[in-house]
Amino acid sequence: MPWLFLVLAIVFGAAAYRVGWPAWTSYRHRGARDLNAERYLAWRGRGAPAGASVREGLTAAERRNMILAGALALAAVGWLIAFFAAT
């Protein structure tokens, strides 16, 4: 029976990775693209005033996916604790 807890921990961990990683990479790529655009505009003399940044945060979909991934990761940790408690 304890092996079931381990399998569930692996499944929940994999689901957290599957949901969270694309949202995180999308956020990071968009941030890098925005930073490159800011640098280019500053080089051309059309940049934003010093200290002002036009970069956004996570989009609503990315935030939702990151929250879901965090919940799945916590569930995976819970199942892992249950596995170690049962063995």
PDB file of N, CA and C in Angstrom:
ATOM      1  N   MET A   1       0.797  -1.201   0.000  1.00  0.00           N
ATOM      2  CA  MET A   1       0.000   0.000   0.000  1.00  0.00           C
ATOM      3  C   MET A   1       0.848   1.278   0.000  1.00  0.00           C
ATOM      4  N   PRO A   2       1.999   1.294   0.676  1.00  0.00           N
ATOM      5  CA  PRO A   2       2.799   2.527   0.667  1.00  0.00           C
ATOM      6  C   PRO A   2       3.281   2.917  -0.731  1.00  0.00           C
ATOM      7  N   TRP A   3       3.433   1.961  -1.594  1.00  0.00           N
ATOM      8  CA  TRP A   3       3.881   2.274  -2.955  1.00  0.00           C
ATOM      9  C   TRP A   3       2.870   3.156  -3.680  1.00  0.00           C
ATOM     10  N   LEU A   4       1.584   3.042  -3.301  1.00  0.00           N
ATOM     11  CA  LEU A   4       0.551   3.883  -3.897  1.00  0.00           C
ATOM     12  C   LEU A   4       0.794   5.357  -3.572  1.00  0.00           C
ATOM     13  N   PHE A   5       1.231   5.649  -2.334  1.00  0.00           N
ATOM     14  CA  PHE A   5       1.539   7.022  -1.954  1.00  0.00           C
ATOM     15  C   PHE A   5       2.699   7.565  -2.779  1.00  0.00           C
ATOM     16  N   LEU A   6       3.700   6.716  -3.015  1.00  0.00           N
ATOM     17  CA  LEU A   6       4.844   7.145  -3.813  1.00  0.00           C
ATOM     18  C   LEU A   6       4.434   7.409  -5.262  1.00  0.00           C
ATOM     19  N   VAL A   7       3.602   6.551  -5.812  1.00  0.00           N
ATOM     20  CA  VAL A   7       3.122   6.748  -7.181  1.00  0.00           C
ATOM     21  C   VAL A   7       2.315   8.041  -7.280  1.00  0.00           C
ATOM     22  N   LEU A   8       1.462   8.288  -6.292  1.00  0.00           N
ATOM     23  CA  LEU A   8       0.682   9.520  -6.302  1.00  0.00           C
ATOM     24  C   LEU A   8       1.576  10.750  -6.171  1.00  0.00           C
ATOM     25  N   ALA A   9       2.621  10.666  -5.358  1.00  0.00           N
ATOM     26  CA  ALA A   9       3.560  11.786  -5.226  1.00  0.00           C
ATOM     27  C   ALA A   9       4.256  12.061  -6.551  1.00  0.00           C
ATOM     28  N   ILE A  10       4.642  11.027  -7.252  1.00  0.00           N
ATOM     29  CA  ILE A  10       5.303  11.201  -8.553  1.00  0.00           C
ATOM     30  C   ILE A  10       4.331  11.785  -9.575  1.00  0.00           C
ATOM     31  N   VAL A  11       3.104  11.299  -9.587  1.00  0.00           N
ATOM     32  CA  VAL A  11       2.104  11.794 -10.537  1.00  0.00           C
ATOM     33  C   VAL A  11       1.784  13.267 -10.273  1.00  0.00           C
ATOM     34  N   PHE A  12       1.588  13.628  -9.010  1.00  0.00           N
ATOM     35  CA  PHE A  12       1.283  15.011  -8.686  1.00  0.00           C
ATOM     36  C   PHE A  12       2.480  15.922  -8.965  1.00  0.00           C
ATOM     37  N   GLY A  13       3.687  15.441  -8.698  1.00  0.00           N
ATOM     38  CA  GLY A  13       4.883  16.227  -9.005  1.00  0.00           C
ATOM     39  C   GLY A  13       5.045  16.448 -10.498  1.00  0.00           C
ATOM     40  N   ALA A  14       4.808  15.407 -11.281  1.00  0.00           N
ATOM     41  CA  ALA A  14       4.893  15.532 -12.734  1.00  0.00           C
ATOM     42  C   ALA A  14       3.819  16.477 -13.265  1.00  0.00           C
ATOM     43  N   ALA A  15       2.625  16.418 -12.681  1.00  0.00           N
ATOM     44  CA  ALA A  15       1.553  17.326 -13.106  1.00  0.00           C
ATOM     45  C   ALA A  15       1.903  18.770 -12.766  1.00  0.00           C
ATOM     46  N   ALA A  16       2.514  18.986 -11.608  1.00  0.00           N
ATOM     47  CA  ALA A  16       2.930  20.342 -11.230  1.00  0.00           C
ATOM     48  C   ALA A  16       3.970  20.870 -12.210  1.00  0.00           C
ATOM     49  N   TYR A  17       4.911  20.038 -12.578  1.00  0.00           N
ATOM     50  CA  TYR A  17       5.927  20.435 -13.548  1.00  0.00           C
ATOM     51  C   TYR A  17       5.288  20.726 -14.905  1.00  0.00           C
ATOM     52  N   ARG A  18       4.376  19.861 -15.312  1.00  0.00           N
ATOM     53  CA  ARG A  18       3.728  19.987 -16.626  1.00  0.00           C
ATOM     54  C   ARG A  18       2.888  21.260 -16.723  1.00  0.00           C
ATOM     55  N   VAL A  19       2.294  21.687 -15.623  1.00  0.00           N
ATOM     56  CA  VAL A  19       1.463  22.891 -15.622  1.00  0.00           C
ATOM     57  C   VAL A  19       2.308  24.142 -15.409  1.00  0.00           C
ATOM     58  N   GLY A  20       3.278  24.068 -14.510  1.00  0.00           N
ATOM     59  CA  GLY A  20       4.020  25.255 -14.110  1.00  0.00           C
ATOM     60  C   GLY A  20       5.142  25.667 -15.037  1.00  0.00           C
ATOM     61  N   TRP A  21       5.841  24.706 -15.617  1.00  0.00           N
ATOM     62  CA  TRP A  21       7.004  25.047 -16.425  1.00  0.00           C
ATOM     63  C   TRP A  21       6.667  25.884 -17.660  1.00  0.00           C
ATOM     64  N   PRO A  22       5.651  25.560 -18.447  1.00  0.00           N
ATOM     65  CA  PRO A  22       5.324  26.419 -19.595  1.00  0.00           C
ATOM     66  C   PRO A  22       4.938  27.842 -19.187  1.00  0.00           C
ATOM     67  N   ALA A  23       4.223  27.990 -18.081  1.00  0.00           N
ATOM     68  CA  ALA A  23       3.851  29.331 -17.621  1.00  0.00           C
ATOM     69  C   ALA A  23       5.090  30.110 -17.209  1.00  0.00           C
ATOM     70  N   TRP A  24       6.015  29.458 -16.521  1.00  0.00           N
ATOM     71  CA  TRP A  24       7.226  30.134 -16.072  1.00  0.00           C
ATOM     72  C   TRP A  24       8.097  30.539 -17.260  1.00  0.00           C
ATOM     73  N   THR A  25       8.288  29.653 -18.228  1.00  0.00           N
ATOM     74  CA  THR A  25       9.126  29.991 -19.381  1.00  0.00           C
ATOM     75  C   THR A  25       8.486  31.087 -20.221  1.00  0.00           C
ATOM     76  N   SER A  26       7.156  31.080 -20.342  1.00  0.00           N
ATOM     77  CA  SER A  26       6.475  32.132 -21.081  1.00  0.00           C
ATOM     78  C   SER A  26       6.709  33.480 -20.417  1.00  0.00           C
ATOM     79  N   TYR A  27       6.597  33.513 -19.094  1.00  0.00           N
ATOM     80  CA  TYR A  27       6.827  34.746 -18.341  1.00  0.00           C
ATOM     81  C   TYR A  27       8.264  35.231 -18.516  1.00  0.00           C
ATOM     82  N   ARG A  28       9.226  34.330 -18.411  1.00  0.00           N
ATOM     83  CA  ARG A  28      10.637  34.706 -18.527  1.00  0.00           C
ATOM     84  C   ARG A  28      10.976  35.165 -19.944  1.00  0.00           C
ATOM     85  N   HIS A  29      10.445  34.503 -20.956  1.00  0.00           N
ATOM     86  CA  HIS A  29      10.721  34.904 -22.338  1.00  0.00           C
ATOM     87  C   HIS A  29      10.124  36.269 -22.642  1.00  0.00           C
ATOM     88  N   ARG A  30       8.917  36.506 -22.158  1.00  0.00           N
ATOM     89  CA  ARG A  30       8.305  37.805 -22.383  1.00  0.00           C
ATOM     90  C   ARG A  30       9.080  38.903 -21.667  1.00  0.00           C
ATOM     91  N   GLY A  31       9.572  38.612 -20.471  1.00  0.00           N
ATOM     92  CA  GLY A  31      10.379  39.583 -19.742  1.00  0.00           C
ATOM     93  C   GLY A  31      11.671  39.901 -20.466  1.00  0.00           C
ATOM     94  N   ALA A  32      12.322  38.880 -21.018  1.00  0.00           N
ATOM     95  CA  ALA A  32      13.560  39.102 -21.770  1.00  0.00           C
ATOM     96  C   ALA A  32      13.273  39.900 -23.041  1.00  0.00           C
ATOM     97  N   ARG A  33      12.180  39.593 -23.703  1.00  0.00           N
ATOM     98  CA  ARG A  33      11.816  40.320 -24.923  1.00  0.00           C
ATOM     99  C   ARG A  33      11.518  41.783 -24.605  1.00  0.00           C
ATOM    100  N   ASP A  34      10.804  42.041 -23.518  1.00  0.00           N
ATOM    101  CA  ASP A  34      10.506  43.414 -23.126  1.00  0.00           C
ATOM    102  C   ASP A  34      11.775  44.174 -22.769  1.00  0.00           C
ATOM    103  N   LEU A  35      12.691  43.513 -22.076  1.00  0.00           N
ATOM    104  CA  LEU A  35      13.946  44.154 -21.713  1.00  0.00           C
ATOM    105  C   LEU A  35      14.764  44.491 -22.949  1.00  0.00           C
ATOM    106  N   ASN A  36      14.784  43.574 -23.911  1.00  0.00           N
ATOM    107  CA  ASN A  36      15.504  43.850 -25.155  1.00  0.00           C
ATOM    108  C   ASN A  36      14.877  45.025 -25.904  1.00  0.00           C
ATOM    109  N   ALA A  37      13.558  45.101 -25.905  1.00  0.00           N
ATOM    110  CA  ALA A  37      12.881  46.222 -26.578  1.00  0.00           C
ATOM    111  C   ALA A  37      13.210  47.538 -25.873  1.00  0.00           C
ATOM    112  N   GLU A  38      13.229  47.521 -24.534  1.00  0.00           N
ATOM    113  CA  GLU A  38      13.584  48.733 -23.792  1.00  0.00           C
ATOM    114  C   GLU A  38      15.003  49.174 -24.109  1.00  0.00           C
ATOM    115  N   ARG A  39      15.908  48.218 -24.162  1.00  0.00           N
ATOM    116  CA  ARG A  39      17.304  48.553 -24.468  1.00  0.00           C
ATOM    117  C   ARG A  39      17.440  49.125 -25.874  1.00  0.00           C
ATOM    118  N   TYR A  40      16.736  48.529 -26.827  1.00  0.00           N
ATOM    119  CA  TYR A  40      16.802  49.010 -28.193  1.00  0.00           C
ATOM    120  C   TYR A  40      16.250  50.432 -28.286  1.00  0.00           C
ATOM    121  N   LEU A  41      15.099  50.673 -27.661  1.00  0.00           N
ATOM    122  CA  LEU A  41      14.517  52.004 -27.708  1.00  0.00           C
ATOM    123  C   LEU A  41      15.408  53.034 -27.006  1.00  0.00           C
ATOM    124  N   ALA A  42      16.041  52.634 -25.926  1.00  0.00           N
ATOM    125  CA  ALA A  42      16.962  53.554 -25.255  1.00  0.00           C
ATOM    126  C   ALA A  42      18.162  53.853 -26.149  1.00  0.00           C
ATOM    127  N   TRP A  43      18.641  52.858 -26.861  1.00  0.00           N
ATOM    128  CA  TRP A  43      19.769  53.046 -27.776  1.00  0.00           C
ATOM    129  C   TRP A  43      19.388  53.991 -28.910  1.00  0.00           C
ATOM    130  N   ARG A  44      18.135  53.921 -29.346  1.00  0.00           N
ATOM    131  CA  ARG A  44      17.655  54.796 -30.406  1.00  0.00           C
ATOM    132  C   ARG A  44      17.270  56.175 -29.887  1.00  0.00           C
ATOM    133  N   GLY A  45      17.292  56.361 -28.573  1.00  0.00           N
ATOM    134  CA  GLY A  45      16.960  57.637 -27.988  1.00  0.00           C
ATOM    135  C   GLY A  45      15.479  57.850 -27.762  1.00  0.00           C
ATOM    136  N   ARG A  46      14.701  56.766 -27.858  1.00  0.00           N
ATOM    137  CA  ARG A  46      13.247  56.869 -27.678  1.00  0.00           C
ATOM    138  C   ARG A  46      12.771  56.066 -26.481  1.00  0.00           C
ATOM    139  N   GLY A  47      13.667  55.807 -25.555  1.00  0.00           N
ATOM    140  CA  GLY A  47      13.313  54.978 -24.415  1.00  0.00           C
ATOM    141  C   GLY A  47      12.453  55.698 -23.401  1.00  0.00           C
ATOM    142  N   ALA A  48      11.969  54.941 -22.451  1.00  0.00           N
ATOM    143  CA  ALA A  48      11.176  55.497 -21.352  1.00  0.00           C
ATOM    144  C   ALA A  48      12.096  56.313 -20.446  1.00  0.00           C
ATOM    145  N   PRO A  49      11.541  57.201 -19.671  1.00  0.00           N
ATOM    146  CA  PRO A  49      12.371  57.970 -18.737  1.00  0.00           C
ATOM    147  C   PRO A  49      13.131  57.049 -17.787  1.00  0.00           C
ATOM    148  N   ALA A  50      14.231  57.551 -17.258  1.00  0.00           N
ATOM    149  CA  ALA A  50      15.073  56.740 -16.376  1.00  0.00           C
ATOM    150  C   ALA A  50      14.260  56.224 -15.190  1.00  0.00           C
ATOM    151  N   GLY A  51      14.428  54.959 -14.920  1.00  0.00           N
ATOM    152  CA  GLY A  51      13.722  54.352 -13.797  1.00  0.00           C
ATOM    153  C   GLY A  51      12.352  53.812 -14.149  1.00  0.00           C
ATOM    154  N   ALA A  52      11.773  54.237 -15.250  1.00  0.00           N
ATOM    155  CA  ALA A  52      10.451  53.743 -15.644  1.00  0.00           C
ATOM    156  C   ALA A  52      10.622  52.467 -16.460  1.00  0.00           C
ATOM    157  N   SER A  53       9.851  51.487 -16.132  1.00  0.00           N
ATOM    158  CA  SER A  53       9.904  50.216 -16.844  1.00  0.00           C
ATOM    159  C   SER A  53       8.508  49.867 -17.327  1.00  0.00           C
ATOM    160  N   VAL A  54       8.427  49.346 -18.531  1.00  0.00           N
ATOM    161  CA  VAL A  54       7.124  48.972 -19.083  1.00  0.00           C
ATOM    162  C   VAL A  54       6.857  47.483 -18.917  1.00  0.00           C
ATOM    163  N   ARG A  55       7.761  46.779 -18.254  1.00  0.00           N
ATOM    164  CA  ARG A  55       7.565  45.343 -18.073  1.00  0.00           C
ATOM    165  C   ARG A  55       6.385  45.065 -17.159  1.00  0.00           C
ATOM    166  N   GLU A  56       5.650  44.051 -17.521  1.00  0.00           N
ATOM    167  CA  GLU A  56       4.478  43.652 -16.747  1.00  0.00           C
ATOM    168  C   GLU A  56       4.875  42.491 -15.843  1.00  0.00           C
ATOM    169  N   GLY A  57       3.927  41.969 -15.144  1.00  0.00           N
ATOM    170  CA  GLY A  57       4.151  40.779 -14.334  1.00  0.00           C
ATOM    171  C   GLY A  57       3.579  39.574 -15.057  1.00  0.00           C
ATOM    172  N   LEU A  58       3.145  38.631 -14.271  1.00  0.00           N
ATOM    173  CA  LEU A  58       2.502  37.453 -14.833  1.00  0.00           C
ATOM    174  C   LEU A  58       1.136  37.835 -15.394  1.00  0.00           C
ATOM    175  N   THR A  59       0.764  37.218 -16.497  1.00  0.00           N
ATOM    176  CA  THR A  59      -0.593  37.407 -16.994  1.00  0.00           C
ATOM    177  C   THR A  59      -1.547  36.617 -16.098  1.00  0.00           C
ATOM    178  N   ALA A  60      -2.825  36.814 -16.274  1.00  0.00           N
ATOM    179  CA  ALA A  60      -3.807  36.108 -15.449  1.00  0.00           C
ATOM    180  C   ALA A  60      -3.718  34.597 -15.667  1.00  0.00           C
ATOM    181  N   ALA A  61      -3.542  34.179 -16.902  1.00  0.00           N
ATOM    182  CA  ALA A  61      -3.448  32.740 -17.191  1.00  0.00           C
ATOM    183  C   ALA A  61      -2.172  32.152 -16.587  1.00  0.00           C
ATOM    184  N   GLU A  62      -1.062  32.889 -16.705  1.00  0.00           N
ATOM    185  CA  GLU A  62       0.189  32.400 -16.120  1.00  0.00           C
ATOM    186  C   GLU A  62       0.084  32.336 -14.600  1.00  0.00           C
ATOM    187  N   ARG A  63      -0.516  33.345 -14.009  1.00  0.00           N
ATOM    188  CA  ARG A  63      -0.676  33.354 -12.549  1.00  0.00           C
ATOM    189  C   ARG A  63      -1.542  32.176 -12.101  1.00  0.00           C
ATOM    190  N   ARG A  64      -2.620  31.943 -12.834  1.00  0.00           N
ATOM    191  CA  ARG A  64      -3.513  30.823 -12.506  1.00  0.00           C
ATOM    192  C   ARG A  64      -2.762  29.493 -12.616  1.00  0.00           C
ATOM    193  N   ASN A  65      -1.963  29.332 -13.676  1.00  0.00           N
ATOM    194  CA  ASN A  65      -1.203  28.096 -13.843  1.00  0.00           C
ATOM    195  C   ASN A  65      -0.133  27.937 -12.769  1.00  0.00           C
ATOM    196  N   MET A  66       0.493  29.034 -12.366  1.00  0.00           N
ATOM    197  CA  MET A  66       1.511  28.949 -11.320  1.00  0.00           C
ATOM    198  C   MET A  66       0.888  28.593  -9.971  1.00  0.00           C
ATOM    199  N   ILE A  67      -0.286  29.132  -9.692  1.00  0.00           N
ATOM    200  CA  ILE A  67      -0.987  28.785  -8.447  1.00  0.00           C
ATOM    201  C   ILE A  67      -1.387  27.314  -8.467  1.00  0.00           C
ATOM    202  N   LEU A  68      -1.895  26.849  -9.600  1.00  0.00           N
ATOM    203  CA  LEU A  68      -2.268  25.443  -9.728  1.00  0.00           C
ATOM    204  C   LEU A  68      -1.048  24.541  -9.573  1.00  0.00           C
ATOM    205  N   ALA A  69       0.069  24.936 -10.186  1.00  0.00           N
ATOM    206  CA  ALA A  69       1.293  24.144 -10.069  1.00  0.00           C
ATOM    207  C   ALA A  69       1.776  24.106  -8.627  1.00  0.00           C
ATOM    208  N   GLY A  70       1.665  25.219  -7.921  1.00  0.00           N
ATOM    209  CA  GLY A  70       2.051  25.240  -6.517  1.00  0.00           C
ATOM    210  C   GLY A  70       1.179  24.329  -5.669  1.00  0.00           C
ATOM    211  N   ALA A  71      -0.123  24.339  -5.944  1.00  0.00           N
ATOM    212  CA  ALA A  71      -1.036  23.459  -5.207  1.00  0.00           C
ATOM    213  C   ALA A  71      -0.732  21.993  -5.493  1.00  0.00           C
ATOM    214  N   LEU A  72      -0.456  21.680  -6.750  1.00  0.00           N
ATOM    215  CA  LEU A  72      -0.107  20.298  -7.096  1.00  0.00           C
ATOM    216  C   LEU A  72       1.207  19.884  -6.449  1.00  0.00           C
ATOM    217  N   ALA A  73       2.171  20.800  -6.399  1.00  0.00           N
ATOM    218  CA  ALA A  73       3.455  20.492  -5.767  1.00  0.00           C
ATOM    219  C   ALA A  73       3.273  20.260  -4.269  1.00  0.00           C
ATOM    220  N   LEU A  74       2.422  21.059  -3.622  1.00  0.00           N
ATOM    221  CA  LEU A  74       2.153  20.833  -2.196  1.00  0.00           C
ATOM    222  C   LEU A  74       1.477  19.481  -1.969  1.00  0.00           C
ATOM    223  N   ALA A  75       0.573  19.126  -2.863  1.00  0.00           N
ATOM    224  CA  ALA A  75      -0.075  17.819  -2.755  1.00  0.00           C
ATOM    225  C   ALA A  75       0.949  16.705  -2.940  1.00  0.00           C
ATOM    226  N   ALA A  76       1.893  16.895  -3.860  1.00  0.00           N
ATOM    227  CA  ALA A  76       2.941  15.892  -4.071  1.00  0.00           C
ATOM    228  C   ALA A  76       3.790  15.738  -2.821  1.00  0.00           C
ATOM    229  N   VAL A  77       4.122  16.842  -2.190  1.00  0.00           N
ATOM    230  CA  VAL A  77       4.893  16.771  -0.949  1.00  0.00           C
ATOM    231  C   VAL A  77       4.083  16.059   0.132  1.00  0.00           C
ATOM    232  N   GLY A  78       2.792  16.334   0.186  1.00  0.00           N
ATOM    233  CA  GLY A  78       1.927  15.646   1.150  1.00  0.00           C
ATOM    234  C   GLY A  78       1.903  14.145   0.934  1.00  0.00           C
ATOM    235  N   TRP A  79       1.802  13.731  -0.316  1.00  0.00           N
ATOM    236  CA  TRP A  79       1.812  12.302  -0.611  1.00  0.00           C
ATOM    237  C   TRP A  79       3.170  11.686  -0.305  1.00  0.00           C
ATOM    238  N   LEU A  80       4.230  12.444  -0.508  1.00  0.00           N
ATOM    239  CA  LEU A  80       5.563  11.944  -0.192  1.00  0.00           C
ATOM    240  C   LEU A  80       5.730  11.777   1.315  1.00  0.00           C
ATOM    241  N   ILE A  81       5.216  12.721   2.072  1.00  0.00           N
ATOM    242  CA  ILE A  81       5.249  12.581   3.548  1.00  0.00           C
ATOM    243  C   ILE A  81       4.431  11.373   3.976  1.00  0.00           C
ATOM    244  N   ALA A  82       3.268  11.179   3.343  1.00  0.00           N
ATOM    245  CA  ALA A  82       2.445  10.008   3.668  1.00  0.00           C
ATOM    246  C   ALA A  82       3.197   8.713   3.340  1.00  0.00           C
ATOM    247  N   PHE A  83       3.953   8.716   2.245  1.00  0.00           N
ATOM    248  CA  PHE A  83       4.734   7.524   1.886  1.00  0.00           C
ATOM    249  C   PHE A  83       5.769   7.214   2.951  1.00  0.00           C
ATOM    250  N   PHE A  84       6.505   8.250   3.385  1.00  0.00           N
ATOM    251  CA  PHE A  84       7.536   8.013   4.389  1.00  0.00           C
ATOM    252  C   PHE A  84       6.925   7.658   5.746  1.00  0.00           C
ATOM    253  N   ALA A  85       5.755   8.177   6.038  1.00  0.00           N
ATOM    254  CA  ALA A  85       5.097   7.832   7.298  1.00  0.00           C
ATOM    255  C   ALA A  85       4.579   6.400   7.279  1.00  0.00           C
ATOM    256  N   ALA A  86       4.209   5.919   6.103  1.00  0.00           N
ATOM    257  CA  ALA A  86       3.635   4.576   6.009  1.00  0.00           C
ATOM    258  C   ALA A  86       4.700   3.489   5.947  1.00  0.00           C
ATOM    259  N   THR A  87       5.921   3.862   5.595  1.00  0.00           N
ATOM    260  CA  THR A  87       6.959   2.815   5.495  1.00  0.00           C
ATOM    261  C   THR A  87       7.728   2.658   6.769  1.00  0.00           C
TER     262      THR A  87
END
